[in-house]
Amino acid sequence: MIKGYMYIVKCSDGSYYTGSTKDLEKRLIQHNNGTGAKYTARRLPVEICYYEEYSRIDEAFYREKQIQGWSRKKKEALMRGENELLPELAKKIFVKRNE
Protein backbone atom coordinates (compact mmCIF):
# COMPACT_ATOMS: atom_id res chain seq x y z
CA MET A 1 0.00 0.00 0.00
CA ILE A 2 1.30 3.44 -0.96
CA LYS A 3 1.46 5.86 1.94
CA GLY A 4 3.27 8.85 0.48
CA TYR A 5 3.88 10.78 -2.70
CA MET A 6 6.47 13.31 -3.76
CA TYR A 7 5.06 15.44 -6.55
CA ILE A 8 5.90 18.33 -8.84
CA VAL A 9 3.17 20.63 -10.16
CA LYS A 10 3.51 23.21 -12.89
CA CYS A 11 1.96 26.56 -12.04
CA SER A 12 0.18 28.90 -14.43
CA ASP A 13 3.29 31.12 -14.62
CA GLY A 14 5.42 28.15 -15.73
CA SER A 15 7.20 27.70 -12.39
CA TYR A 16 7.37 24.39 -10.54
CA TYR A 17 6.29 23.58 -7.00
CA THR A 18 7.54 20.41 -5.28
CA GLY A 19 5.63 18.87 -2.38
CA SER A 20 4.73 15.66 -0.59
CA THR A 21 1.42 14.23 0.56
CA LYS A 22 -0.44 11.09 1.59
CA ASP A 23 -3.31 11.78 -0.86
CA LEU A 24 -2.25 13.08 -4.26
CA GLU A 25 -5.74 13.75 -5.66
CA LYS A 26 -6.87 15.61 -2.54
CA ARG A 27 -3.68 17.68 -2.51
CA LEU A 28 -4.11 18.74 -6.15
CA ILE A 29 -7.67 19.86 -5.37
CA GLN A 30 -6.37 21.84 -2.38
CA HIS A 31 -3.74 23.54 -4.54
CA ASN A 32 -6.30 24.50 -7.18
CA ASN A 33 -8.72 25.76 -4.51
CA GLY A 34 -5.97 28.06 -3.25
CA THR A 35 -5.60 26.23 0.07
CA GLY A 36 -2.61 24.02 -0.80
CA ALA A 37 0.30 26.43 -0.36
CA LYS A 38 0.86 30.19 -0.47
CA TYR A 39 3.17 29.75 -3.46
CA THR A 40 0.63 27.90 -5.62
CA ALA A 41 -2.33 30.01 -4.44
CA ARG A 42 -0.85 32.98 -6.34
CA ARG A 43 -0.16 30.90 -9.48
CA LEU A 44 -3.39 29.06 -10.26
CA PRO A 45 -4.26 26.77 -11.84
CA VAL A 46 -1.64 24.08 -11.28
CA GLU A 47 -1.27 20.67 -12.85
CA ILE A 48 0.63 17.55 -11.79
CA CYS A 49 3.70 17.05 -13.98
CA TYR A 50 5.44 14.28 -12.07
CA TYR A 51 5.14 12.12 -8.96
CA GLU A 52 6.88 9.28 -7.15
CA GLU A 53 5.23 6.80 -4.80
CA TYR A 54 6.69 5.78 -1.44
CA SER A 55 5.70 3.28 1.22
CA ARG A 56 6.12 5.93 3.95
CA ILE A 57 5.34 9.64 3.98
CA ASP A 58 8.69 10.50 5.58
CA GLU A 59 10.46 8.99 2.53
CA ALA A 60 8.34 11.19 0.24
CA PHE A 61 9.11 14.23 2.40
CA TYR A 62 12.85 13.50 2.28
CA ARG A 63 12.69 13.24 -1.52
CA GLU A 64 10.69 16.49 -1.69
CA LYS A 65 13.40 18.34 0.22
CA GLN A 66 16.09 16.85 -2.03
CA ILE A 67 14.37 17.91 -5.25
CA GLN A 68 13.44 21.38 -3.97
CA GLY A 69 17.13 22.24 -4.10
CA TRP A 70 17.50 21.20 -7.73
CA SER A 71 17.72 23.54 -10.70
CA ARG A 72 14.83 23.87 -13.13
CA LYS A 73 16.85 21.99 -15.79
CA LYS A 74 17.52 19.11 -13.44
CA LYS A 75 13.84 18.86 -12.42
CA GLU A 76 12.82 18.86 -16.08
CA ALA A 77 15.31 16.08 -16.89
CA LEU A 78 13.83 14.03 -14.03
CA MET A 79 10.30 14.60 -15.31
CA ARG A 80 11.33 13.53 -18.82
CA GLY A 81 12.91 10.36 -17.42
CA GLU A 82 16.40 11.41 -18.54
CA ASN A 83 18.10 10.09 -15.42
CA GLU A 84 21.45 9.82 -17.18
CA LEU A 85 21.58 13.64 -17.30
CA LEU A 86 21.05 14.13 -13.55
CA PRO A 87 24.70 13.72 -12.44
CA GLU A 88 25.92 16.28 -14.98
CA LEU A 89 23.16 18.73 -14.05
CA ALA A 90 24.15 18.37 -10.39
CA LYS A 91 27.63 19.75 -10.99
CA LYS A 92 28.23 23.32 -9.95
CA ILE A 93 28.96 25.84 -12.64
CA PHE A 94 31.96 27.99 -11.92
CA VAL A 95 32.28 31.39 -13.51
CA LYS A 96 35.73 32.11 -14.87
CA ARG A 97 37.14 35.31 -13.45
CA ASN A 98 39.05 37.76 -15.58
CA GLU A 99 42.72 37.48 -14.82
C-alpha atoms as a PDB file:
ATOM      1  CA  MET A   1       0.000   0.000   0.000  1.00  0.00           C
ATOM      2  CA  ILE A   2       1.299   3.443  -0.960  1.00  0.00           C
ATOM      3  CA  LYS A   3       1.462   5.859   1.944  1.00  0.00           C
ATOM      4  CA  GLY A   4       3.267   8.852   0.484  1.00  0.00           C
ATOM      5  CA  TYR A   5       3.880  10.784  -2.703  1.00  0.00           C
ATOM      6  CA  MET A   6       6.469  13.314  -3.755  1.00  0.00           C
ATOM      7  CA  TYR A   7       5.062  15.442  -6.545  1.00  0.00           C
ATOM      8  CA  ILE A   8       5.896  18.331  -8.844  1.00  0.00           C
ATOM      9  CA  VAL A   9       3.172  20.634 -10.162  1.00  0.00           C
ATOM     10  CA  LYS A  10       3.509  23.205 -12.894  1.00  0.00           C
ATOM     11  CA  CYS A  11       1.964  26.559 -12.037  1.00  0.00           C
ATOM     12  CA  SER A  12       0.179  28.895 -14.434  1.00  0.00           C
ATOM     13  CA  ASP A  13       3.288  31.120 -14.619  1.00  0.00           C
ATOM     14  CA  GLY A  14       5.424  28.145 -15.729  1.00  0.00           C
ATOM     15  CA  SER A  15       7.198  27.700 -12.391  1.00  0.00           C
ATOM     16  CA  TYR A  16       7.366  24.393 -10.537  1.00  0.00           C
ATOM     17  CA  TYR A  17       6.291  23.575  -6.999  1.00  0.00           C
ATOM     18  CA  THR A  18       7.538  20.413  -5.276  1.00  0.00           C
ATOM     19  CA  GLY A  19       5.629  18.871  -2.382  1.00  0.00           C
ATOM     20  CA  SER A  20       4.725  15.659  -0.594  1.00  0.00           C
ATOM     21  CA  THR A  21       1.419  14.227   0.565  1.00  0.00           C
ATOM     22  CA  LYS A  22      -0.439  11.093   1.593  1.00  0.00           C
ATOM     23  CA  ASP A  23      -3.309  11.780  -0.859  1.00  0.00           C
ATOM     24  CA  LEU A  24      -2.250  13.083  -4.259  1.00  0.00           C
ATOM     25  CA  GLU A  25      -5.738  13.749  -5.663  1.00  0.00           C
ATOM     26  CA  LYS A  26      -6.865  15.611  -2.545  1.00  0.00           C
ATOM     27  CA  ARG A  27      -3.678  17.682  -2.512  1.00  0.00           C
ATOM     28  CA  LEU A  28      -4.112  18.737  -6.146  1.00  0.00           C
ATOM     29  CA  ILE A  29      -7.673  19.858  -5.365  1.00  0.00           C
ATOM     30  CA  GLN A  30      -6.366  21.841  -2.382  1.00  0.00           C
ATOM     31  CA  HIS A  31      -3.740  23.537  -4.541  1.00  0.00           C
ATOM     32  CA  ASN A  32      -6.296  24.502  -7.176  1.00  0.00           C
ATOM     33  CA  ASN A  33      -8.722  25.763  -4.507  1.00  0.00           C
ATOM     34  CA  GLY A  34      -5.972  28.062  -3.253  1.00  0.00           C
ATOM     35  CA  THR A  35      -5.605  26.229   0.072  1.00  0.00           C
ATOM     36  CA  GLY A  36      -2.613  24.021  -0.799  1.00  0.00           C
ATOM     37  CA  ALA A  37       0.298  26.426  -0.361  1.00  0.00           C
ATOM     38  CA  LYS A  38       0.862  30.187  -0.466  1.00  0.00           C
ATOM     39  CA  TYR A  39       3.171  29.750  -3.461  1.00  0.00           C
ATOM     40  CA  THR A  40       0.634  27.904  -5.617  1.00  0.00           C
ATOM     41  CA  ALA A  41      -2.327  30.015  -4.443  1.00  0.00           C
ATOM     42  CA  ARG A  42      -0.851  32.980  -6.338  1.00  0.00           C
ATOM     43  CA  ARG A  43      -0.163  30.903  -9.484  1.00  0.00           C
ATOM     44  CA  LEU A  44      -3.387  29.055 -10.256  1.00  0.00           C
ATOM     45  CA  PRO A  45      -4.263  26.767 -11.839  1.00  0.00           C
ATOM     46  CA  VAL A  46      -1.640  24.077 -11.278  1.00  0.00           C
ATOM     47  CA  GLU A  47      -1.268  20.666 -12.854  1.00  0.00           C
ATOM     48  CA  ILE A  48       0.628  17.554 -11.794  1.00  0.00           C
ATOM     49  CA  CYS A  49       3.700  17.045 -13.976  1.00  0.00           C
ATOM     50  CA  TYR A  50       5.439  14.275 -12.066  1.00  0.00           C
ATOM     51  CA  TYR A  51       5.145  12.122  -8.958  1.00  0.00           C
ATOM     52  CA  GLU A  52       6.875   9.280  -7.153  1.00  0.00           C
ATOM     53  CA  GLU A  53       5.227   6.803  -4.799  1.00  0.00           C
ATOM     54  CA  TYR A  54       6.690   5.775  -1.436  1.00  0.00           C
ATOM     55  CA  SER A  55       5.704   3.275   1.225  1.00  0.00           C
ATOM     56  CA  ARG A  56       6.123   5.929   3.950  1.00  0.00           C
ATOM     57  CA  ILE A  57       5.344   9.645   3.981  1.00  0.00           C
ATOM     58  CA  ASP A  58       8.688  10.498   5.577  1.00  0.00           C
ATOM     59  CA  GLU A  59      10.457   8.995   2.535  1.00  0.00           C
ATOM     60  CA  ALA A  60       8.339  11.190   0.243  1.00  0.00           C
ATOM     61  CA  PHE A  61       9.106  14.233   2.404  1.00  0.00           C
ATOM     62  CA  TYR A  62      12.845  13.499   2.281  1.00  0.00           C
ATOM     63  CA  ARG A  63      12.692  13.244  -1.522  1.00  0.00           C
ATOM     64  CA  GLU A  64      10.687  16.492  -1.691  1.00  0.00           C
ATOM     65  CA  LYS A  65      13.404  18.342   0.220  1.00  0.00           C
ATOM     66  CA  GLN A  66      16.086  16.848  -2.031  1.00  0.00           C
ATOM     67  CA  ILE A  67      14.368  17.909  -5.249  1.00  0.00           C
ATOM     68  CA  GLN A  68      13.441  21.376  -3.966  1.00  0.00           C
ATOM     69  CA  GLY A  69      17.135  22.238  -4.096  1.00  0.00           C
ATOM     70  CA  TRP A  70      17.496  21.202  -7.728  1.00  0.00           C
ATOM     71  CA  SER A  71      17.722  23.536 -10.696  1.00  0.00           C
ATOM     72  CA  ARG A  72      14.833  23.867 -13.130  1.00  0.00           C
ATOM     73  CA  LYS A  73      16.848  21.994 -15.791  1.00  0.00           C
ATOM     74  CA  LYS A  74      17.522  19.109 -13.437  1.00  0.00           C
ATOM     75  CA  LYS A  75      13.845  18.864 -12.421  1.00  0.00           C
ATOM     76  CA  GLU A  76      12.819  18.862 -16.076  1.00  0.00           C
ATOM     77  CA  ALA A  77      15.305  16.079 -16.887  1.00  0.00           C
ATOM     78  CA  LEU A  78      13.826  14.025 -14.028  1.00  0.00           C
ATOM     79  CA  MET A  79      10.295  14.601 -15.311  1.00  0.00           C
ATOM     80  CA  ARG A  80      11.329  13.528 -18.825  1.00  0.00           C
ATOM     81  CA  GLY A  81      12.915  10.362 -17.419  1.00  0.00           C
ATOM     82  CA  GLU A  82      16.402  11.414 -18.541  1.00  0.00           C
ATOM     83  CA  ASN A  83      18.099  10.088 -15.416  1.00  0.00           C
ATOM     84  CA  GLU A  84      21.453   9.821 -17.178  1.00  0.00           C
ATOM     85  CA  LEU A  85      21.579  13.645 -17.300  1.00  0.00           C
ATOM     86  CA  LEU A  86      21.053  14.129 -13.553  1.00  0.00           C
ATOM     87  CA  PRO A  87      24.703  13.723 -12.442  1.00  0.00           C
ATOM     88  CA  GLU A  88      25.923  16.284 -14.977  1.00  0.00           C
ATOM     89  CA  LEU A  89      23.158  18.729 -14.049  1.00  0.00           C
ATOM     90  CA  ALA A  90      24.154  18.368 -10.392  1.00  0.00           C
ATOM     91  CA  LYS A  91      27.630  19.749 -10.993  1.00  0.00           C
ATOM     92  CA  LYS A  92      28.230  23.318  -9.947  1.00  0.00           C
ATOM     93  CA  ILE A  93      28.958  25.843 -12.642  1.00  0.00           C
ATOM     94  CA  PHE A  94      31.965  27.988 -11.916  1.00  0.00           C
ATOM     95  CA  VAL A  95      32.277  31.389 -13.513  1.00  0.00           C
ATOM     96  CA  LYS A  96      35.735  32.109 -14.865  1.00  0.00           C
ATOM     97  CA  ARG A  97      37.139  35.310 -13.451  1.00  0.00           C
ATOM     98  CA  ASN A  98      39.045  37.756 -15.580  1.00  0.00           C
ATOM     99  CA  GLU A  99      42.724  37.479 -14.818  1.00  0.00           C
END
